[in-house]
Protein backbone atom coordinates (compact mmCIF):
# COMPACT_ATOMS: atom_id res chain seq x y z
CA UNK A 1 0.47 0.12 21.29
CA UNK A 2 -0.52 0.84 17.69
CA UNK A 3 0.92 -1.21 14.86
CA UNK A 4 1.50 1.26 12.05
CA UNK A 5 2.21 0.10 8.52
CA UNK A 6 4.84 2.28 6.89
CA UNK A 7 4.12 2.29 3.14
CA UNK A 8 7.82 1.59 2.50
CA UNK A 9 8.99 -0.50 5.48
CA UNK A 10 5.85 -2.44 6.40
CA UNK A 11 4.27 -2.90 9.85
CA UNK A 12 6.21 -1.37 12.74
CA UNK A 13 5.60 -0.42 16.37
CA UNK A 14 4.10 2.99 17.08
CA UNK A 15 7.27 3.96 18.97
CA UNK A 16 9.16 4.17 15.64
CA UNK A 17 6.91 7.01 14.41
CA UNK A 18 6.21 10.65 15.18
CA UNK A 19 2.76 12.06 14.56
CA UNK A 20 2.81 15.30 12.60
CA UNK A 21 -0.79 16.16 13.37
CA UNK A 22 -3.69 16.93 11.09
CA UNK A 23 -2.95 16.44 7.39
CA UNK A 24 -3.83 18.62 4.42
CA UNK A 25 -3.41 22.00 6.06
CA UNK A 26 -2.53 24.57 3.42
CA UNK A 27 0.21 27.06 4.30
CA UNK A 28 -0.82 30.67 3.61
CA UNK A 29 0.82 31.97 0.41
CA UNK A 30 1.77 35.43 1.67
CA UNK A 31 2.61 34.80 5.31
CA UNK A 32 4.34 38.20 5.69
CA UNK A 33 0.95 39.92 5.43
CA UNK A 34 -0.75 37.80 8.12
CA UNK A 35 -1.60 39.28 11.48
CA UNK A 36 -0.19 37.58 14.58
CA UNK A 37 -3.61 36.06 15.23
CA UNK A 38 -3.91 34.70 11.68
CA UNK A 39 -0.39 33.23 11.84
CA UNK A 40 -1.10 31.73 15.26
CA UNK A 41 -4.33 30.19 13.97
CA UNK A 42 -2.43 28.60 11.08
CA UNK A 43 0.30 27.22 13.35
CA UNK A 44 -1.70 26.00 16.32
CA UNK A 45 -5.43 25.74 15.68
CA UNK A 46 -6.35 22.23 14.59
CA UNK A 47 -9.50 20.20 14.41
CA UNK A 48 -9.78 17.54 17.07
CA UNK A 49 -12.50 15.34 15.61
CA UNK A 50 -14.11 12.39 17.26
CA UNK A 51 -14.03 9.76 14.55
CA UNK A 52 -12.14 9.39 11.30
CA UNK A 53 -9.63 11.98 10.13
CA UNK A 54 -6.31 12.23 8.25
CA UNK A 55 -2.98 12.60 10.05
CA UNK A 56 0.62 13.01 8.92
CA UNK A 57 3.17 10.52 10.27
CA UNK A 58 6.97 10.41 10.04
CA UNK A 59 8.82 7.09 10.28
CA UNK A 60 11.53 8.61 12.48
CA UNK A 61 13.23 5.34 13.46
CA UNK A 62 13.07 3.86 9.96
CA UNK A 63 13.05 5.29 6.45
CA UNK A 64 12.42 8.88 7.69
CA UNK A 65 9.63 9.40 5.14
CA UNK A 66 6.35 11.21 5.67
CA UNK A 67 2.99 9.65 4.85
CA UNK A 68 -0.67 10.16 5.70
CA UNK A 69 -2.92 7.81 7.62
CA UNK A 70 -6.69 7.78 7.92
CA UNK A 71 -7.33 6.97 11.58
CA UNK A 72 -10.39 6.67 13.80
CA UNK A 73 -9.70 8.68 16.96
CA UNK A 74 -12.24 6.63 18.94
CA UNK A 75 -11.04 3.11 18.17
CA UNK A 76 -7.47 4.07 17.11
CA UNK A 77 -7.99 1.84 14.05
CA UNK A 78 -5.95 2.93 11.06
CA UNK A 79 -8.15 2.54 7.99
CA UNK A 80 -5.69 3.35 5.23
CA UNK A 81 -2.40 4.94 4.25
CA UNK A 82 -1.41 7.47 1.62
CA UNK A 83 1.97 8.65 0.42
CA UNK A 84 2.49 12.01 -1.14
CA UNK A 85 3.02 10.25 -4.48
CA UNK A 86 -0.06 7.99 -4.53
CA UNK A 87 -3.68 8.05 -3.27
CA UNK A 88 -5.07 6.47 -0.13
CA UNK A 89 -4.61 2.72 0.15
CA UNK A 90 -7.15 0.98 2.32
CA UNK A 91 -6.09 -1.69 4.78
CA UNK A 92 -8.94 -3.75 3.31
CA UNK A 93 -7.54 -6.06 0.60
CA UNK A 94 -10.59 -5.62 -1.64
CA UNK A 95 -9.78 -1.94 -2.15
CA UNK A 96 -6.12 -2.67 -2.92
CA UNK A 97 -7.13 -5.20 -5.57
CA UNK A 98 -9.60 -2.80 -7.12
CA UNK A 99 -7.01 -0.02 -7.20
CA UNK A 100 -4.49 -2.36 -8.83
CA UNK A 101 -6.99 -3.29 -11.54
CA UNK A 102 -7.82 0.38 -12.10
CA UNK A 103 -4.10 1.15 -12.53
CA UNK A 104 -3.75 -1.73 -15.01
CA UNK A 105 -6.67 -0.32 -17.02
CA UNK A 106 -4.98 3.11 -17.18
CA UNK A 107 -1.73 1.57 -18.40
CA UNK A 108 -3.47 -0.08 -21.38
């Protein structure tokens, strides 16, 4: 079982979450003008990469918030998390410290 770290609730069991699939898919602006094939491609055709990619997750049994995770589909390792309000946070502490220092520099 995966241990997924909700950006708001902390580490939780995979069973508390629902995967929303590939992240960063842009909805067509004028969907009324799409053909059935184009609409079907938007709804159902997704990349299925071997390796690292971004997914959307919903904490269904917790805070009910959406977030993105960068996950390796081979090892299942989650390499970082991103909310829709802030950029990707790595699970590596060195990146988190560097991001914190960068934020402090912007605030000055």
